[in-house]
Amino acid sequence: MENEKIRLSFKNGKTAIVDVMIGADGAFSKTLLLLSDVAPQYTGITMVELRLENVKQKIIFI
């Protein structure tokens, strides 16, 4: 695949010839389907991140 170009075709009819295509559109990536038939599988593990800043300053006591 060395020195190969990638042709991208968009819904609006435009095309682009590129050296590299980066698909950073998440686990259910549309671009991943173009490169591989591997599908994401739910493993039962979920991550939730929460960040609270200046909590003491924002607490309202009634």
C-alpha atoms as a PDB file:
ATOM      1  CA  MET A   1       0.000   0.000   0.000  1.00  0.00           C
ATOM      2  CA  GLU A   2       3.050   2.229  -0.103  1.00  0.00           C
ATOM      3  CA  ASN A   3       2.608   5.466  -2.096  1.00  0.00           C
ATOM      4  CA  GLU A   4      -1.044   4.703  -2.804  1.00  0.00           C
ATOM      5  CA  LYS A   5      -3.582   7.511  -2.864  1.00  0.00           C
ATOM      6  CA  ILE A   6      -7.068   7.358  -1.400  1.00  0.00           C
ATOM      7  CA  ARG A   7     -10.019   8.795  -3.279  1.00  0.00           C
ATOM      8  CA  LEU A   8     -12.788  10.153  -1.052  1.00  0.00           C
ATOM      9  CA  SER A   9     -16.250  10.746  -2.506  1.00  0.00           C
ATOM     10  CA  PHE A  10     -18.686  12.895  -0.539  1.00  0.00           C
ATOM     11  CA  LYS A  11     -22.492  13.082  -0.597  1.00  0.00           C
ATOM     12  CA  ASN A  12     -22.366  16.576  -2.103  1.00  0.00           C
ATOM     13  CA  GLY A  13     -20.604  15.162  -5.172  1.00  0.00           C
ATOM     14  CA  LYS A  14     -17.138  16.499  -4.336  1.00  0.00           C
ATOM     15  CA  THR A  15     -14.121  14.213  -4.303  1.00  0.00           C
ATOM     16  CA  ALA A  16     -10.660  14.459  -2.816  1.00  0.00           C
ATOM     17  CA  ILE A  17      -7.480  12.510  -3.488  1.00  0.00           C
ATOM     18  CA  VAL A  18      -5.438  12.163  -0.291  1.00  0.00           C
ATOM     19  CA  ASP A  19      -2.417  10.328   1.081  1.00  0.00           C
ATOM     20  CA  VAL A  20      -3.988   9.574   4.464  1.00  0.00           C
ATOM     21  CA  MET A  21      -7.536   9.217   5.742  1.00  0.00           C
ATOM     22  CA  ILE A  22      -8.163   9.442   9.485  1.00  0.00           C
ATOM     23  CA  GLY A  23     -11.521   8.217  10.741  1.00  0.00           C
ATOM     24  CA  ALA A  24     -11.971   9.592  14.240  1.00  0.00           C
ATOM     25  CA  ASP A  25     -15.713   9.160  14.453  1.00  0.00           C
ATOM     26  CA  GLY A  26     -15.984   6.790  17.408  1.00  0.00           C
ATOM     27  CA  ALA A  27     -16.553   3.130  18.119  1.00  0.00           C
ATOM     28  CA  PHE A  28     -19.276   2.785  15.490  1.00  0.00           C
ATOM     29  CA  SER A  29     -17.130   4.479  12.861  1.00  0.00           C
ATOM     30  CA  LYS A  30     -18.390   4.627   9.283  1.00  0.00           C
ATOM     31  CA  THR A  31     -14.795   4.757   8.039  1.00  0.00           C
ATOM     32  CA  LEU A  32     -13.834   1.642   9.997  1.00  0.00           C
ATOM     33  CA  LEU A  33     -16.379  -0.315   7.953  1.00  0.00           C
ATOM     34  CA  LEU A  34     -14.454   0.647   4.821  1.00  0.00           C
ATOM     35  CA  LEU A  35     -11.238  -0.825   6.189  1.00  0.00           C
ATOM     36  CA  SER A  36     -12.352  -3.850   8.188  1.00  0.00           C
ATOM     37  CA  ASP A  37     -15.330  -6.109   8.830  1.00  0.00           C
ATOM     38  CA  VAL A  38     -14.620  -6.069  12.578  1.00  0.00           C
ATOM     39  CA  ALA A  39     -17.558  -4.705  14.589  1.00  0.00           C
ATOM     40  CA  PRO A  40     -17.409  -3.311  18.128  1.00  0.00           C
ATOM     41  CA  GLN A  41     -18.887  -5.572  20.806  1.00  0.00           C
ATOM     42  CA  TYR A  42     -20.268  -4.500  24.175  1.00  0.00           C
ATOM     43  CA  THR A  43     -18.219  -6.123  26.939  1.00  0.00           C
ATOM     44  CA  GLY A  44     -20.332  -5.012  29.887  1.00  0.00           C
ATOM     45  CA  ILE A  45     -17.797  -2.368  30.880  1.00  0.00           C
ATOM     46  CA  THR A  46     -18.909   1.242  30.819  1.00  0.00           C
ATOM     47  CA  MET A  47     -16.913   4.347  31.619  1.00  0.00           C
ATOM     48  CA  VAL A  48     -18.455   7.490  32.978  1.00  0.00           C
ATOM     49  CA  GLU A  49     -16.299  10.504  33.770  1.00  0.00           C
ATOM     50  CA  LEU A  50     -17.487  13.488  35.760  1.00  0.00           C
ATOM     51  CA  ARG A  51     -15.573  16.619  36.600  1.00  0.00           C
ATOM     52  CA  LEU A  52     -16.862  19.210  39.049  1.00  0.00           C
ATOM     53  CA  GLU A  53     -14.926  22.439  39.383  1.00  0.00           C
ATOM     54  CA  ASN A  54     -15.238  25.037  42.156  1.00  0.00           C
ATOM     55  CA  VAL A  55     -17.880  22.967  43.946  1.00  0.00           C
ATOM     56  CA  LYS A  56     -17.599  24.923  47.199  1.00  0.00           C
ATOM     57  CA  GLN A  57     -18.117  28.198  45.370  1.00  0.00           C
ATOM     58  CA  LYS A  58     -21.208  27.033  43.490  1.00  0.00           C
ATOM     59  CA  ILE A  59     -23.188  25.375  46.301  1.00  0.00           C
ATOM     60  CA  ILE A  60     -26.346  27.317  47.141  1.00  0.00           C
ATOM     61  CA  PHE A  61     -27.769  26.688  50.603  1.00  0.00           C
ATOM     62  CA  ILE A  62     -31.497  27.257  51.005  1.00  0.00           C
END
